[in-house]
Amino acid sequence: MLSKRQKTTTIKGFSRHDTDTGSAEVQIALLSKQIKELAEHLKKHPKDHHSRRGLLMMVGKRRKFLQYLKRENEKHYEKLVKKLELEV
């Protein structure tokens, strides 16, 4: 779970304008942070299958957002993938 401070800094770093909180770029960035945290949790707790399911659902949701962004605006997609250091 991301803290409020982590969410606000991530939103500020990836938003298109001041009041942007729901664009695809912001959603992908937030999901990526959550995925990293949950992956660390699962390294410590390998038998936590409920969290593993949540992780897989987040990865699927992020993949769909990335496909949408690539289809709609490939320039923003390339920039975001490079900034988040994602392997696509």
PDB file of N, CA and C in Angstrom:
ATOM      1  N   MET A   1       0.836  -1.174   0.000  1.00  0.00           N
ATOM      2  CA  MET A   1       0.000   0.000   0.000  1.00  0.00           C
ATOM      3  C   MET A   1       0.881   1.238   0.000  1.00  0.00           C
ATOM      4  N   LEU A   2       0.598   2.156  -0.898  1.00  0.00           N
ATOM      5  CA  LEU A   2       1.379   3.384  -0.978  1.00  0.00           C
ATOM      6  C   LEU A   2       0.856   4.411   0.014  1.00  0.00           C
ATOM      7  N   SER A   3       1.775   5.137   0.622  1.00  0.00           N
ATOM      8  CA  SER A   3       1.356   6.201   1.530  1.00  0.00           C
ATOM      9  C   SER A   3       0.880   7.406   0.715  1.00  0.00           C
ATOM     10  N   LYS A   4       0.195   8.300   1.382  1.00  0.00           N
ATOM     11  CA  LYS A   4      -0.337   9.475   0.705  1.00  0.00           C
ATOM     12  C   LYS A   4       0.795  10.313   0.114  1.00  0.00           C
ATOM     13  N   ARG A   5       1.890  10.422   0.837  1.00  0.00           N
ATOM     14  CA  ARG A   5       3.036  11.200   0.362  1.00  0.00           C
ATOM     15  C   ARG A   5       3.634  10.574  -0.904  1.00  0.00           C
ATOM     16  N   GLN A   6       3.754   9.246  -0.925  1.00  0.00           N
ATOM     17  CA  GLN A   6       4.289   8.569  -2.103  1.00  0.00           C
ATOM     18  C   GLN A   6       3.376   8.781  -3.309  1.00  0.00           C
ATOM     19  N   LYS A   7       2.067   8.706  -3.075  1.00  0.00           N
ATOM     20  CA  LYS A   7       1.124   8.909  -4.168  1.00  0.00           C
ATOM     21  C   LYS A   7       1.222  10.318  -4.731  1.00  0.00           C
ATOM     22  N   THR A   8       1.266  11.326  -3.855  1.00  0.00           N
ATOM     23  CA  THR A   8       1.300  12.706  -4.341  1.00  0.00           C
ATOM     24  C   THR A   8       2.589  13.009  -5.092  1.00  0.00           C
ATOM     25  N   THR A   9       3.723  12.488  -4.631  1.00  0.00           N
ATOM     26  CA  THR A   9       4.967  12.731  -5.363  1.00  0.00           C
ATOM     27  C   THR A   9       4.964  12.026  -6.708  1.00  0.00           C
ATOM     28  N   THR A  10       4.385  10.836  -6.766  1.00  0.00           N
ATOM     29  CA  THR A  10       4.294  10.119  -8.034  1.00  0.00           C
ATOM     30  C   THR A  10       3.361  10.854  -8.992  1.00  0.00           C
ATOM     31  N   ILE A  11       2.237  11.316  -8.492  1.00  0.00           N
ATOM     32  CA  ILE A  11       1.288  12.046  -9.333  1.00  0.00           C
ATOM     33  C   ILE A  11       1.930  13.317  -9.870  1.00  0.00           C
ATOM     34  N   LYS A  12       2.648  14.047  -9.024  1.00  0.00           N
ATOM     35  CA  LYS A  12       3.308  15.279  -9.479  1.00  0.00           C
ATOM     36  C   LYS A  12       4.373  14.986 -10.532  1.00  0.00           C
ATOM     37  N   GLY A  13       5.042  13.870 -10.401  1.00  0.00           N
ATOM     38  CA  GLY A  13       6.098  13.525 -11.343  1.00  0.00           C
ATOM     39  C   GLY A  13       5.614  13.087 -12.705  1.00  0.00           C
ATOM     40  N   PHE A  14       4.387  12.580 -12.800  1.00  0.00           N
ATOM     41  CA  PHE A  14       3.911  12.015 -14.063  1.00  0.00           C
ATOM     42  C   PHE A  14       2.668  12.689 -14.631  1.00  0.00           C
ATOM     43  N   SER A  15       2.129  13.691 -13.945  1.00  0.00           N
ATOM     44  CA  SER A  15       0.888  14.318 -14.415  1.00  0.00           C
ATOM     45  C   SER A  15       1.146  15.231 -15.605  1.00  0.00           C
ATOM     46  N   ARG A  16       0.137  15.409 -16.424  1.00  0.00           N
ATOM     47  CA  ARG A  16       0.224  16.273 -17.601  1.00  0.00           C
ATOM     48  C   ARG A  16       0.026  17.738 -17.237  1.00  0.00           C
ATOM     49  N   HIS A  17      -0.809  18.001 -16.241  1.00  0.00           N
ATOM     50  CA  HIS A  17      -1.068  19.363 -15.773  1.00  0.00           C
ATOM     51  C   HIS A  17      -1.324  19.321 -14.276  1.00  0.00           C
ATOM     52  N   ASP A  18      -1.575  20.464 -13.657  1.00  0.00           N
ATOM     53  CA  ASP A  18      -1.651  20.565 -12.198  1.00  0.00           C
ATOM     54  C   ASP A  18      -2.742  19.703 -11.575  1.00  0.00           C
ATOM     55  N   THR A  19      -3.905  19.618 -12.209  1.00  0.00           N
ATOM     56  CA  THR A  19      -5.030  18.895 -11.610  1.00  0.00           C
ATOM     57  C   THR A  19      -5.181  17.479 -12.156  1.00  0.00           C
ATOM     58  N   ASP A  20      -4.187  16.993 -12.875  1.00  0.00           N
ATOM     59  CA  ASP A  20      -4.261  15.662 -13.485  1.00  0.00           C
ATOM     60  C   ASP A  20      -3.949  14.586 -12.454  1.00  0.00           C
ATOM     61  N   THR A  21      -4.929  13.733 -12.183  1.00  0.00           N
ATOM     62  CA  THR A  21      -4.700  12.609 -11.264  1.00  0.00           C
ATOM     63  C   THR A  21      -5.123  11.284 -11.870  1.00  0.00           C
ATOM     64  N   GLY A  22      -5.730  11.290 -13.033  1.00  0.00           N
ATOM     65  CA  GLY A  22      -6.279  10.056 -13.567  1.00  0.00           C
ATOM     66  C   GLY A  22      -5.856   9.703 -14.974  1.00  0.00           C
ATOM     67  N   SER A  23      -4.875  10.404 -15.538  1.00  0.00           N
ATOM     68  CA  SER A  23      -4.440  10.074 -16.890  1.00  0.00           C
ATOM     69  C   SER A  23      -3.752   8.713 -16.896  1.00  0.00           C
ATOM     70  N   ALA A  24      -3.604   8.153 -18.069  1.00  0.00           N
ATOM     71  CA  ALA A  24      -2.995   6.830 -18.190  1.00  0.00           C
ATOM     72  C   ALA A  24      -1.562   6.830 -17.643  1.00  0.00           C
ATOM     73  N   GLU A  25      -0.826   7.917 -17.866  1.00  0.00           N
ATOM     74  CA  GLU A  25       0.549   7.983 -17.382  1.00  0.00           C
ATOM     75  C   GLU A  25       0.598   7.899 -15.858  1.00  0.00           C
ATOM     76  N   VAL A  26      -0.286   8.635 -15.197  1.00  0.00           N
ATOM     77  CA  VAL A  26      -0.323   8.627 -13.730  1.00  0.00           C
ATOM     78  C   VAL A  26      -0.742   7.256 -13.220  1.00  0.00           C
ATOM     79  N   GLN A  27      -1.750   6.669 -13.834  1.00  0.00           N
ATOM     80  CA  GLN A  27      -2.216   5.351 -13.403  1.00  0.00           C
ATOM     81  C   GLN A  27      -1.117   4.296 -13.553  1.00  0.00           C
ATOM     82  N   ILE A  28      -0.387   4.348 -14.658  1.00  0.00           N
ATOM     83  CA  ILE A  28       0.699   3.387 -14.887  1.00  0.00           C
ATOM     84  C   ILE A  28       1.798   3.575 -13.855  1.00  0.00           C
ATOM     85  N   ALA A  29       2.141   4.815 -13.559  1.00  0.00           N
ATOM     86  CA  ALA A  29       3.191   5.091 -12.574  1.00  0.00           C
ATOM     87  C   ALA A  29       2.791   4.591 -11.190  1.00  0.00           C
ATOM     88  N   LEU A  30       1.545   4.842 -10.791  1.00  0.00           N
ATOM     89  CA  LEU A  30       1.080   4.387  -9.482  1.00  0.00           C
ATOM     90  C   LEU A  30       1.063   2.858  -9.400  1.00  0.00           C
ATOM     91  N   LEU A  31       0.572   2.223 -10.454  1.00  0.00           N
ATOM     92  CA  LEU A  31       0.559   0.758 -10.470  1.00  0.00           C
ATOM     93  C   LEU A  31       1.977   0.198 -10.412  1.00  0.00           C
ATOM     94  N   SER A  32       2.911   0.843 -11.101  1.00  0.00           N
ATOM     95  CA  SER A  32       4.289   0.363 -11.105  1.00  0.00           C
ATOM     96  C   SER A  32       4.891   0.431  -9.707  1.00  0.00           C
ATOM     97  N   LYS A  33       4.623   1.516  -8.990  1.00  0.00           N
ATOM     98  CA  LYS A  33       5.124   1.623  -7.613  1.00  0.00           C
ATOM     99  C   LYS A  33       4.513   0.551  -6.725  1.00  0.00           C
ATOM    100  N   GLN A  34       3.204   0.324  -6.861  1.00  0.00           N
ATOM    101  CA  GLN A  34       2.541  -0.699  -6.057  1.00  0.00           C
ATOM    102  C   GLN A  34       3.086  -2.081  -6.385  1.00  0.00           C
ATOM    103  N   ILE A  35       3.332  -2.342  -7.655  1.00  0.00           N
ATOM    104  CA  ILE A  35       3.857  -3.641  -8.080  1.00  0.00           C
ATOM    105  C   ILE A  35       5.235  -3.872  -7.472  1.00  0.00           C
ATOM    106  N   LYS A  36       6.093  -2.844  -7.474  1.00  0.00           N
ATOM    107  CA  LYS A  36       7.425  -2.986  -6.882  1.00  0.00           C
ATOM    108  C   LYS A  36       7.336  -3.308  -5.394  1.00  0.00           C
ATOM    109  N   GLU A  37       6.459  -2.594  -4.678  1.00  0.00           N
ATOM    110  CA  GLU A  37       6.313  -2.845  -3.246  1.00  0.00           C
ATOM    111  C   GLU A  37       5.776  -4.247  -2.972  1.00  0.00           C
ATOM    112  N   LEU A  38       4.801  -4.669  -3.742  1.00  0.00           N
ATOM    113  CA  LEU A  38       4.210  -5.979  -3.529  1.00  0.00           C
ATOM    114  C   LEU A  38       5.190  -7.091  -3.893  1.00  0.00           C
ATOM    115  N   ALA A  39       6.011  -6.871  -4.893  1.00  0.00           N
ATOM    116  CA  ALA A  39       7.030  -7.862  -5.252  1.00  0.00           C
ATOM    117  C   ALA A  39       8.030  -8.041  -4.111  1.00  0.00           C
ATOM    118  N   GLU A  40       8.406  -6.943  -3.469  1.00  0.00           N
ATOM    119  CA  GLU A  40       9.301  -7.034  -2.311  1.00  0.00           C
ATOM    120  C   GLU A  40       8.636  -7.799  -1.166  1.00  0.00           C
ATOM    121  N   HIS A  41       7.362  -7.543  -0.943  1.00  0.00           N
ATOM    122  CA  HIS A  41       6.617  -8.253   0.098  1.00  0.00           C
ATOM    123  C   HIS A  41       6.605  -9.755  -0.181  1.00  0.00           C
ATOM    124  N   LEU A  42       6.390 -10.120  -1.440  1.00  0.00           N
ATOM    125  CA  LEU A  42       6.300 -11.535  -1.779  1.00  0.00           C
ATOM    126  C   LEU A  42       7.647 -12.244  -1.701  1.00  0.00           C
ATOM    127  N   LYS A  43       8.743 -11.491  -1.787  1.00  0.00           N
ATOM    128  CA  LYS A  43      10.051 -12.120  -1.591  1.00  0.00           C
ATOM    129  C   LYS A  43      10.215 -12.569  -0.140  1.00  0.00           C
ATOM    130  N   LYS A  44       9.651 -11.792   0.779  1.00  0.00           N
ATOM    131  CA  LYS A  44       9.735 -12.133   2.202  1.00  0.00           C
ATOM    132  C   LYS A  44       8.690 -13.166   2.604  1.00  0.00           C
ATOM    133  N   HIS A  45       7.536 -13.145   1.928  1.00  0.00           N
ATOM    134  CA  HIS A  45       6.414 -14.025   2.270  1.00  0.00           C
ATOM    135  C   HIS A  45       5.976 -14.815   1.032  1.00  0.00           C
ATOM    136  N   PRO A  46       6.730 -15.850   0.671  1.00  0.00           N
ATOM    137  CA  PRO A  46       6.444 -16.564  -0.580  1.00  0.00           C
ATOM    138  C   PRO A  46       5.127 -17.346  -0.588  1.00  0.00           C
ATOM    139  N   LYS A  47       4.550 -17.619   0.566  1.00  0.00           N
ATOM    140  CA  LYS A  47       3.312 -18.396   0.601  1.00  0.00           C
ATOM    141  C   LYS A  47       2.060 -17.523   0.659  1.00  0.00           C
ATOM    142  N   ASP A  48       2.212 -16.228   0.497  1.00  0.00           N
ATOM    143  CA  ASP A  48       1.078 -15.300   0.539  1.00  0.00           C
ATOM    144  C   ASP A  48       0.399 -15.296  -0.833  1.00  0.00           C
ATOM    145  N   HIS A  49      -0.465 -16.254  -1.067  1.00  0.00           N
ATOM    146  CA  HIS A  49      -1.083 -16.429  -2.379  1.00  0.00           C
ATOM    147  C   HIS A  49      -2.126 -15.369  -2.678  1.00  0.00           C
ATOM    148  N   HIS A  50      -2.772 -14.814  -1.671  1.00  0.00           N
ATOM    149  CA  HIS A  50      -3.768 -13.770  -1.902  1.00  0.00           C
ATOM    150  C   HIS A  50      -3.093 -12.509  -2.447  1.00  0.00           C
ATOM    151  N   SER A  51      -1.967 -12.168  -1.893  1.00  0.00           N
ATOM    152  CA  SER A  51      -1.232 -11.000  -2.387  1.00  0.00           C
ATOM    153  C   SER A  51      -0.673 -11.266  -3.778  1.00  0.00           C
ATOM    154  N   ARG A  52      -0.270 -12.497  -4.034  1.00  0.00           N
ATOM    155  CA  ARG A  52       0.237 -12.849  -5.366  1.00  0.00           C
ATOM    156  C   ARG A  52      -0.850 -12.660  -6.421  1.00  0.00           C
ATOM    157  N   ARG A  53      -2.069 -13.019  -6.093  1.00  0.00           N
ATOM    158  CA  ARG A  53      -3.184 -12.836  -7.018  1.00  0.00           C
ATOM    159  C   ARG A  53      -3.403 -11.340  -7.280  1.00  0.00           C
ATOM    160  N   GLY A  54      -3.333 -10.545  -6.215  1.00  0.00           N
ATOM    161  CA  GLY A  54      -3.465  -9.101  -6.375  1.00  0.00           C
ATOM    162  C   GLY A  54      -2.372  -8.525  -7.250  1.00  0.00           C
ATOM    163  N   LEU A  55      -1.159  -9.042  -7.093  1.00  0.00           N
ATOM    164  CA  LEU A  55      -0.044  -8.604  -7.916  1.00  0.00           C
ATOM    165  C   LEU A  55      -0.298  -8.913  -9.386  1.00  0.00           C
ATOM    166  N   LEU A  56      -0.755 -10.109  -9.665  1.00  0.00           N
ATOM    167  CA  LEU A  56      -1.030 -10.497 -11.048  1.00  0.00           C
ATOM    168  C   LEU A  56      -2.134  -9.637 -11.662  1.00  0.00           C
ATOM    169  N   MET A  57      -3.123  -9.282 -10.863  1.00  0.00           N
ATOM    170  CA  MET A  57      -4.202  -8.427 -11.363  1.00  0.00           C
ATOM    171  C   MET A  57      -3.670  -7.026 -11.667  1.00  0.00           C
ATOM    172  N   MET A  58      -2.780  -6.510 -10.812  1.00  0.00           N
ATOM    173  CA  MET A  58      -2.188  -5.190 -11.053  1.00  0.00           C
ATOM    174  C   MET A  58      -1.323  -5.191 -12.305  1.00  0.00           C
ATOM    175  N   VAL A  59      -0.566  -6.254 -12.504  1.00  0.00           N
ATOM    176  CA  VAL A  59       0.283  -6.352 -13.692  1.00  0.00           C
ATOM    177  C   VAL A  59      -0.588  -6.361 -14.951  1.00  0.00           C
ATOM    178  N   GLY A  60      -1.698  -7.083 -14.914  1.00  0.00           N
ATOM    179  CA  GLY A  60      -2.612  -7.106 -16.054  1.00  0.00           C
ATOM    180  C   GLY A  60      -3.234  -5.744 -16.328  1.00  0.00           C
ATOM    181  N   LYS A  61      -3.605  -5.063 -15.266  1.00  0.00           N
ATOM    182  CA  LYS A  61      -4.200  -3.727 -15.420  1.00  0.00           C
ATOM    183  C   LYS A  61      -3.184  -2.747 -16.000  1.00  0.00           C
ATOM    184  N   ARG A  62      -1.933  -2.814 -15.514  1.00  0.00           N
ATOM    185  CA  ARG A  62      -0.883  -1.937 -16.037  1.00  0.00           C
ATOM    186  C   ARG A  62      -0.612  -2.233 -17.501  1.00  0.00           C
ATOM    187  N   ARG A  63      -0.617  -3.523 -17.865  1.00  0.00           N
ATOM    188  CA  ARG A  63      -0.389  -3.897 -19.262  1.00  0.00           C
ATOM    189  C   ARG A  63      -1.462  -3.318 -20.166  1.00  0.00           C
ATOM    190  N   LYS A  64      -2.714  -3.354 -19.705  1.00  0.00           N
ATOM    191  CA  LYS A  64      -3.810  -2.790 -20.503  1.00  0.00           C
ATOM    192  C   LYS A  64      -3.673  -1.285 -20.653  1.00  0.00           C
ATOM    193  N   PHE A  65      -3.273  -0.597 -19.568  1.00  0.00           N
ATOM    194  CA  PHE A  65      -3.042   0.850 -19.656  1.00  0.00           C
ATOM    195  C   PHE A  65      -1.911   1.155 -20.635  1.00  0.00           C
ATOM    196  N   LEU A  66      -0.848   0.346 -20.601  1.00  0.00           N
ATOM    197  CA  LEU A  66       0.273   0.565 -21.516  1.00  0.00           C
ATOM    198  C   LEU A  66      -0.139   0.349 -22.969  1.00  0.00           C
ATOM    199  N   GLN A  67      -0.955  -0.666 -23.225  1.00  0.00           N
ATOM    200  CA  GLN A  67      -1.448  -0.899 -24.585  1.00  0.00           C
ATOM    201  C   GLN A  67      -2.292   0.269 -25.065  1.00  0.00           C
ATOM    202  N   TYR A  68      -3.142   0.783 -24.190  1.00  0.00           N
ATOM    203  CA  TYR A  68      -3.981   1.932 -24.526  1.00  0.00           C
ATOM    204  C   TYR A  68      -3.119   3.150 -24.852  1.00  0.00           C
ATOM    205  N   LEU A  69      -2.130   3.424 -24.004  1.00  0.00           N
ATOM    206  CA  LEU A  69      -1.284   4.591 -24.208  1.00  0.00           C
ATOM    207  C   LEU A  69      -0.477   4.465 -25.493  1.00  0.00           C
ATOM    208  N   LYS A  70       0.013   3.279 -25.790  1.00  0.00           N
ATOM    209  CA  LYS A  70       0.773   3.068 -27.026  1.00  0.00           C
ATOM    210  C   LYS A  70      -0.111   3.291 -28.247  1.00  0.00           C
ATOM    211  N   ARG A  71      -1.353   2.844 -28.160  1.00  0.00           N
ATOM    212  CA  ARG A  71      -2.289   3.005 -29.268  1.00  0.00           C
ATOM    213  C   ARG A  71      -2.672   4.476 -29.469  1.00  0.00           C
ATOM    214  N   GLU A  72      -2.857   5.209 -28.382  1.00  0.00           N
ATOM    215  CA  GLU A  72      -3.338   6.590 -28.470  1.00  0.00           C
ATOM    216  C   GLU A  72      -2.222   7.606 -28.698  1.00  0.00           C
ATOM    217  N   ASN A  73      -1.082   7.428 -28.022  1.00  0.00           N
ATOM    218  CA  ASN A  73      -0.014   8.420 -28.101  1.00  0.00           C
ATOM    219  C   ASN A  73       1.325   7.724 -27.893  1.00  0.00           C
ATOM    220  N   GLU A  74       1.935   7.312 -28.986  1.00  0.00           N
ATOM    221  CA  GLU A  74       3.149   6.505 -28.899  1.00  0.00           C
ATOM    222  C   GLU A  74       4.335   7.299 -28.346  1.00  0.00           C
ATOM    223  N   LYS A  75       4.356   8.608 -28.556  1.00  0.00           N
ATOM    224  CA  LYS A  75       5.445   9.435 -28.038  1.00  0.00           C
ATOM    225  C   LYS A  75       5.429   9.451 -26.505  1.00  0.00           C
ATOM    226  N   HIS A  76       4.243   9.624 -25.922  1.00  0.00           N
ATOM    227  CA  HIS A  76       4.107   9.603 -24.464  1.00  0.00           C
ATOM    228  C   HIS A  76       4.437   8.210 -23.917  1.00  0.00           C
ATOM    229  N   TYR A  77       4.049   7.184 -24.658  1.00  0.00           N
ATOM    230  CA  TYR A  77       4.319   5.803 -24.260  1.00  0.00           C
ATOM    231  C   TYR A  77       5.822   5.551 -24.150  1.00  0.00           C
ATOM    232  N   GLU A  78       6.564   5.931 -25.188  1.00  0.00           N
ATOM    233  CA  GLU A  78       8.015   5.706 -25.194  1.00  0.00           C
ATOM    234  C   GLU A  78       8.688   6.466 -24.056  1.00  0.00           C
ATOM    235  N   LYS A  79       8.251   7.698 -23.835  1.00  0.00           N
ATOM    236  CA  LYS A  79       8.829   8.524 -22.773  1.00  0.00           C
ATOM    237  C   LYS A  79       8.567   7.907 -21.394  1.00  0.00           C
ATOM    238  N   LEU A  80       7.340   7.418 -21.196  1.00  0.00           N
ATOM    239  CA  LEU A  80       6.960   6.832 -19.909  1.00  0.00           C
ATOM    240  C   LEU A  80       7.707   5.527 -19.638  1.00  0.00           C
ATOM    241  N   VAL A  81       7.827   4.692 -20.635  1.00  0.00           N
ATOM    242  CA  VAL A  81       8.531   3.415 -20.475  1.00  0.00           C
ATOM    243  C   VAL A  81       9.993   3.663 -20.117  1.00  0.00           C
ATOM    244  N   LYS A  82      10.586   4.660 -20.751  1.00  0.00           N
ATOM    245  CA  LYS A  82      11.975   4.981 -20.455  1.00  0.00           C
ATOM    246  C   LYS A  82      12.117   5.550 -19.039  1.00  0.00           C
ATOM    247  N   LYS A  83      11.182   6.410 -18.645  1.00  0.00           N
ATOM    248  CA  LYS A  83      11.236   7.046 -17.321  1.00  0.00           C
ATOM    249  C   LYS A  83      11.026   6.025 -16.193  1.00  0.00           C
ATOM    250  N   LEU A  84      10.125   5.063 -16.412  1.00  0.00           N
ATOM    251  CA  LEU A  84       9.852   4.039 -15.399  1.00  0.00           C
ATOM    252  C   LEU A  84      10.792   2.844 -15.486  1.00  0.00           C
ATOM    253  N   GLU A  85      11.632   2.818 -16.525  1.00  0.00           N
ATOM    254  CA  GLU A  85      12.574   1.722 -16.747  1.00  0.00           C
ATOM    255  C   GLU A  85      11.857   0.378 -16.855  1.00  0.00           C
ATOM    256  N   LEU A  86      10.772   0.346 -17.634  1.00  0.00           N
ATOM    257  CA  LEU A  86      10.017  -0.885 -17.830  1.00  0.00           C
ATOM    258  C   LEU A  86      10.589  -1.648 -19.029  1.00  0.00           C
ATOM    259  N   GLU A  87      10.531  -2.949 -18.962  1.00  0.00           N
ATOM    260  CA  GLU A  87      10.955  -3.789 -20.074  1.00  0.00           C
ATOM    261  C   GLU A  87       9.710  -4.175 -20.858  1.00  0.00           C
ATOM    262  N   VAL A  88       9.643  -3.707 -22.074  1.00  0.00           N
ATOM    263  CA  VAL A  88       8.461  -4.007 -22.887  1.00  0.00           C
ATOM    264  C   VAL A  88       8.864  -4.733 -24.130  1.00  0.00           C
TER     265      VAL A  88
END
